[in-house]
Protein backbone atom coordinates (compact mmCIF):
# COMPACT_ATOMS: atom_id res chain seq x y z
CA UNK A 1 -0.02 -0.23 0.10
CA UNK A 2 2.62 2.85 1.12
CA UNK A 3 4.52 1.69 -2.78
CA UNK A 4 1.00 2.66 -4.38
CA UNK A 5 0.55 5.95 -2.34
CA UNK A 6 4.26 6.71 -3.14
CA UNK A 7 3.70 6.00 -6.95
CA UNK A 8 0.57 7.53 -6.73
CA UNK A 9 1.84 10.69 -5.53
CA UNK A 10 4.62 10.69 -7.98
CA UNK A 11 2.17 10.44 -10.88
CA UNK A 12 0.34 13.29 -9.64
CA UNK A 13 3.16 15.40 -9.39
CA UNK A 14 4.21 14.70 -13.19
CA UNK A 15 0.58 15.43 -14.03
CA UNK A 16 0.63 18.67 -12.22
CA UNK A 17 4.38 19.55 -13.92
CA UNK A 18 2.65 18.61 -17.36
CA UNK A 19 -0.50 20.42 -16.75
CA UNK A 20 2.05 23.92 -15.50
CA UNK A 21 3.45 23.12 -19.02
CA UNK A 22 0.58 23.27 -20.77
CA UNK A 23 -0.55 26.29 -19.61
CA UNK A 24 2.95 27.98 -19.68
CA UNK A 25 3.26 27.31 -23.09
CA UNK A 26 -0.49 28.45 -23.83
CA UNK A 27 0.02 32.07 -22.66
CA UNK A 28 3.26 32.37 -24.30
CA UNK A 29 1.30 31.76 -27.69
CA UNK A 30 3.54 28.65 -28.55
CA UNK A 31 2.22 25.51 -29.97
CA UNK A 32 3.21 22.12 -28.69
CA UNK A 33 5.08 20.49 -31.54
CA UNK A 34 7.65 23.02 -31.61
CA UNK A 35 6.01 25.27 -34.89
CA UNK A 36 5.68 28.73 -35.06
CA UNK A 37 3.96 30.82 -32.71
CA UNK A 38 0.48 32.28 -34.04
CA UNK A 39 0.43 35.59 -35.15
CA UNK A 40 -2.33 38.10 -35.17
CA UNK A 41 -4.56 37.98 -37.83
CA UNK A 42 -2.88 40.96 -39.74
CA UNK A 43 0.51 39.79 -39.95
CA UNK A 44 -0.73 36.48 -40.94
CA UNK A 45 -2.47 37.96 -44.01
CA UNK A 46 0.44 39.78 -45.33
CA UNK A 47 2.84 37.02 -44.77
CA UNK A 48 0.59 34.90 -46.74
CA UNK A 49 0.02 37.43 -49.59
CA UNK A 50 3.85 37.79 -49.63
CA UNK A 51 4.58 33.60 -49.94
CA UNK A 52 2.23 33.57 -52.77
CA UNK A 53 3.49 36.88 -54.36
CA UNK A 54 0.33 38.58 -54.30
CA UNK A 55 1.28 41.96 -55.09
CA UNK A 56 -2.16 43.43 -55.85
CA UNK A 57 -3.16 42.36 -52.54
CA UNK A 58 -0.28 43.80 -50.67
CA UNK A 59 -0.97 46.72 -52.39
CA UNK A 60 -4.25 46.91 -51.03
CA UNK A 61 -3.07 46.56 -47.63
CA UNK A 62 -0.08 49.18 -47.95
CA UNK A 63 -3.31 51.46 -47.80
CA UNK A 64 -4.64 50.16 -44.76
CA UNK A 65 -5.10 53.59 -42.55
CA UNK A 66 -3.53 51.27 -39.40
CA UNK A 67 -0.10 52.43 -40.12
CA UNK A 68 1.53 49.17 -38.81
CA UNK A 69 -0.15 47.05 -41.16
CA UNK A 70 0.54 49.44 -44.36
CA UNK A 71 4.16 49.24 -43.36
CA UNK A 72 4.24 45.91 -42.93
CA UNK A 73 2.78 45.09 -46.18
CA UNK A 74 4.67 47.79 -48.03
CA UNK A 75 8.47 45.65 -46.37
CA UNK A 76 6.93 42.70 -47.88
CA UNK A 77 6.69 44.11 -51.25
CA UNK A 78 10.10 44.74 -51.52
CA UNK A 79 10.52 40.98 -51.58
CA UNK A 80 8.92 40.58 -54.90
CA UNK A 81 10.97 42.07 -57.53
CA UNK A 82 11.06 44.85 -59.42
CA UNK A 83 7.15 44.41 -60.43
CA UNK A 84 6.72 46.16 -56.82
CA UNK A 85 8.21 49.65 -57.94
CA UNK A 86 5.18 51.21 -58.99
CA UNK A 87 3.59 50.44 -56.26
CA UNK A 88 6.57 51.31 -53.97
CA UNK A 89 6.49 54.13 -55.82
CA UNK A 90 2.94 55.41 -54.97
CA UNK A 91 3.83 54.79 -51.05
CA UNK A 92 7.19 56.55 -51.26
CA UNK A 93 4.59 59.40 -51.60
CA UNK A 94 2.40 58.18 -48.35
CA UNK A 95 1.54 60.90 -45.67
CA UNK A 96 2.71 58.69 -43.28
CA UNK A 97 6.39 58.89 -42.59
CA UNK A 98 6.30 55.39 -40.97
CA UNK A 99 5.36 53.99 -44.61
CA UNK A 100 7.34 55.91 -46.67
CA UNK A 101 10.48 54.84 -44.93
CA UNK A 102 9.36 51.37 -45.25
CA UNK A 103 8.84 52.23 -49.09
CA UNK A 104 12.15 53.76 -49.62
CA UNK A 105 13.97 50.34 -47.99
CA UNK A 106 11.76 48.65 -50.05
CA UNK A 107 12.49 50.03 -53.09
CA UNK A 108 16.45 49.22 -52.68
CA UNK A 109 15.55 45.83 -52.13
CA UNK A 110 13.15 45.36 -55.01
CA UNK A 111 14.81 47.24 -57.60
CA UNK A 112 18.53 47.41 -57.03
CA UNK A 113 19.77 50.28 -58.80
CA UNK A 114 16.69 50.85 -61.34
CA UNK A 115 16.27 54.58 -61.23
CA UNK A 116 18.33 55.69 -58.07
CA UNK A 117 16.85 59.50 -59.28
CA UNK A 118 13.25 58.25 -57.05
CA UNK A 119 15.28 57.55 -53.66
CA UNK A 120 17.75 60.73 -54.17
CA UNK A 121 14.50 62.86 -54.53
CA UNK A 122 13.71 61.83 -51.64
CA UNK A 123 16.92 62.31 -49.65
CA UNK A 124 16.70 66.07 -50.76
CA UNK A 125 13.32 66.78 -50.23
CA UNK A 126 11.55 64.66 -47.54
CA UNK A 127 10.98 66.20 -44.13
CA UNK A 128 11.38 63.68 -42.44
CA UNK A 129 14.85 62.91 -40.75
CA UNK A 130 13.99 59.17 -40.61
CA UNK A 131 12.83 58.86 -44.22
CA UNK A 132 15.84 61.06 -45.72
CA UNK A 133 18.37 58.78 -43.29
CA UNK A 134 16.57 55.73 -44.98
CA UNK A 135 17.16 56.98 -48.37
CA UNK A 136 20.90 58.10 -48.09
CA UNK A 137 21.61 54.51 -46.39
CA UNK A 138 19.74 53.25 -50.01
CA UNK A 139 21.51 55.25 -52.29
CA UNK A 140 24.89 53.72 -50.47
CA UNK A 141 23.91 50.49 -50.38
CA UNK A 142 22.51 50.30 -54.33
CA UNK A 143 25.83 52.19 -54.89
CA UNK A 144 24.03 54.97 -56.90
CA UNK A 145 26.81 56.58 -58.66
CA UNK A 146 25.08 58.81 -60.73
CA UNK A 147 23.30 60.49 -57.10
CA UNK A 148 27.09 61.03 -55.92
CA UNK A 149 25.74 64.85 -55.74
CA UNK A 150 22.79 64.59 -53.76
CA UNK A 151 24.89 62.04 -51.04
CA UNK A 152 27.48 64.95 -50.75
CA UNK A 153 24.88 67.43 -50.19
CA UNK A 154 23.33 65.35 -47.70
CA UNK A 155 26.82 66.01 -45.84
CA UNK A 156 25.17 69.11 -45.04
CA UNK A 157 21.59 68.17 -43.65
CA UNK A 158 20.45 69.50 -40.67
CA UNK A 159 20.12 66.11 -39.05
CA UNK A 160 23.26 64.44 -38.04
CA UNK A 161 21.85 61.15 -38.28
CA UNK A 162 21.50 61.58 -42.21
CA UNK A 163 24.61 63.03 -42.62
CA UNK A 164 26.29 60.28 -40.71
CA UNK A 165 24.69 57.71 -43.30
CA UNK A 166 25.60 59.82 -45.97
CA UNK A 167 29.23 60.01 -45.01
CA UNK A 168 28.82 56.18 -44.78
CA UNK A 169 27.38 55.89 -47.80
CA UNK A 170 29.95 57.91 -49.49
CA UNK A 171 32.49 56.12 -48.15
CA UNK A 172 30.69 52.65 -49.42
CA UNK A 173 31.12 53.80 -52.95
CA UNK A 174 34.29 55.24 -52.61
CA UNK A 175 35.70 52.68 -50.80
CA UNK A 176 37.94 55.20 -48.49
CA UNK A 177 37.45 57.18 -45.43
CA UNK A 178 37.72 60.49 -45.51
CA UNK A 179 37.17 63.36 -42.83
CA UNK A 180 34.06 65.91 -42.78
CA UNK A 181 33.82 66.84 -39.74
CA UNK A 182 29.86 65.97 -38.88
CA UNK A 183 29.63 67.58 -35.56
CA UNK A 184 30.56 70.75 -36.85
CA UNK A 185 27.74 73.52 -37.52
CA UNK A 186 26.31 73.21 -41.14
CA UNK A 187 28.00 76.00 -43.01
CA UNK A 188 31.34 76.56 -41.04
CA UNK A 189 34.35 76.88 -42.41
CA UNK A 190 36.13 73.67 -41.84
CA UNK A 191 33.10 71.34 -42.73
CA UNK A 192 32.84 73.32 -46.25
CA UNK A 193 36.33 72.85 -46.66
CA UNK A 194 35.61 69.10 -46.49
CA UNK A 195 32.89 68.50 -48.30
CA UNK A 196 34.41 70.19 -51.01
CA UNK A 197 37.43 68.63 -50.85
CA UNK A 198 34.98 65.34 -51.01
CA UNK A 199 33.18 66.98 -54.26
CA UNK A 200 36.95 67.34 -55.84
CA UNK A 201 37.96 63.62 -54.90
CA UNK A 202 34.43 62.35 -56.70
CA UNK A 203 35.30 64.93 -59.58
CA UNK A 204 38.68 63.08 -60.05
CA UNK A 205 37.50 59.55 -59.22
CA UNK A 206 33.72 59.34 -60.09
CA UNK A 207 34.33 57.98 -64.13
CA UNK A 208 36.67 55.08 -62.51
CA UNK A 209 33.99 54.17 -60.20
CA UNK A 210 31.22 54.20 -62.66
CA UNK A 211 33.18 51.78 -64.84
CA UNK A 212 34.08 49.67 -61.81
CA UNK A 213 30.47 49.28 -60.76
CA UNK A 214 29.21 48.96 -64.41
CA UNK A 215 31.62 46.09 -65.19
CA UNK A 216 30.53 44.57 -61.85
CA UNK A 217 27.09 44.55 -62.52
CA UNK A 218 27.87 43.49 -66.15
CA UNK A 219 29.58 40.28 -64.41
CA UNK A 220 26.82 39.78 -62.36
CA UNK A 221 28.20 40.75 -59.42
CA UNK A 222 26.77 43.03 -56.64
């Protein structure tokens, strides 16, 4: 009898532990089979459209009044290639800065160096610091050599984050470091001289950079 009692007690303890585990997993919203956690309906819907390559459906979601949903849809369009470009260009003009920022980044993923002047215009004119910063970063990522003047001009952007991103993009394209005194006040003599120095470097090395990246592109390299 004592053995049976101990055995029963052990079984009850094990059952309690298992029940606690089930509740714990459930509250974490993780299935017991180790699969991905359930997501909210909006996320699941957008992800399904992305997997299906349903660009029109994602474009519809990008107009969702919920900024988070629209932003998620725009990001998803970036994985669908050049066909997404017309939709992304519309979202670059969205009233919401979060959506515009996502559209700029997605544009870089979708198009590579196709029509970089679209993003260059954003870098020059968008009222949002975050959107301008994203734009100058994308120009560097796609090595938009024909938009170098936009990047050089961004070295004098009123916001430091944009200046830092522009400097990094220029260094990425040129393959070299230089000093532009990003913490100096815009228009200061030292900054102005440094920016003009970068402009002069590009005047001397720009054609070589264009030829180099054109050859890489022709060879199928990024």
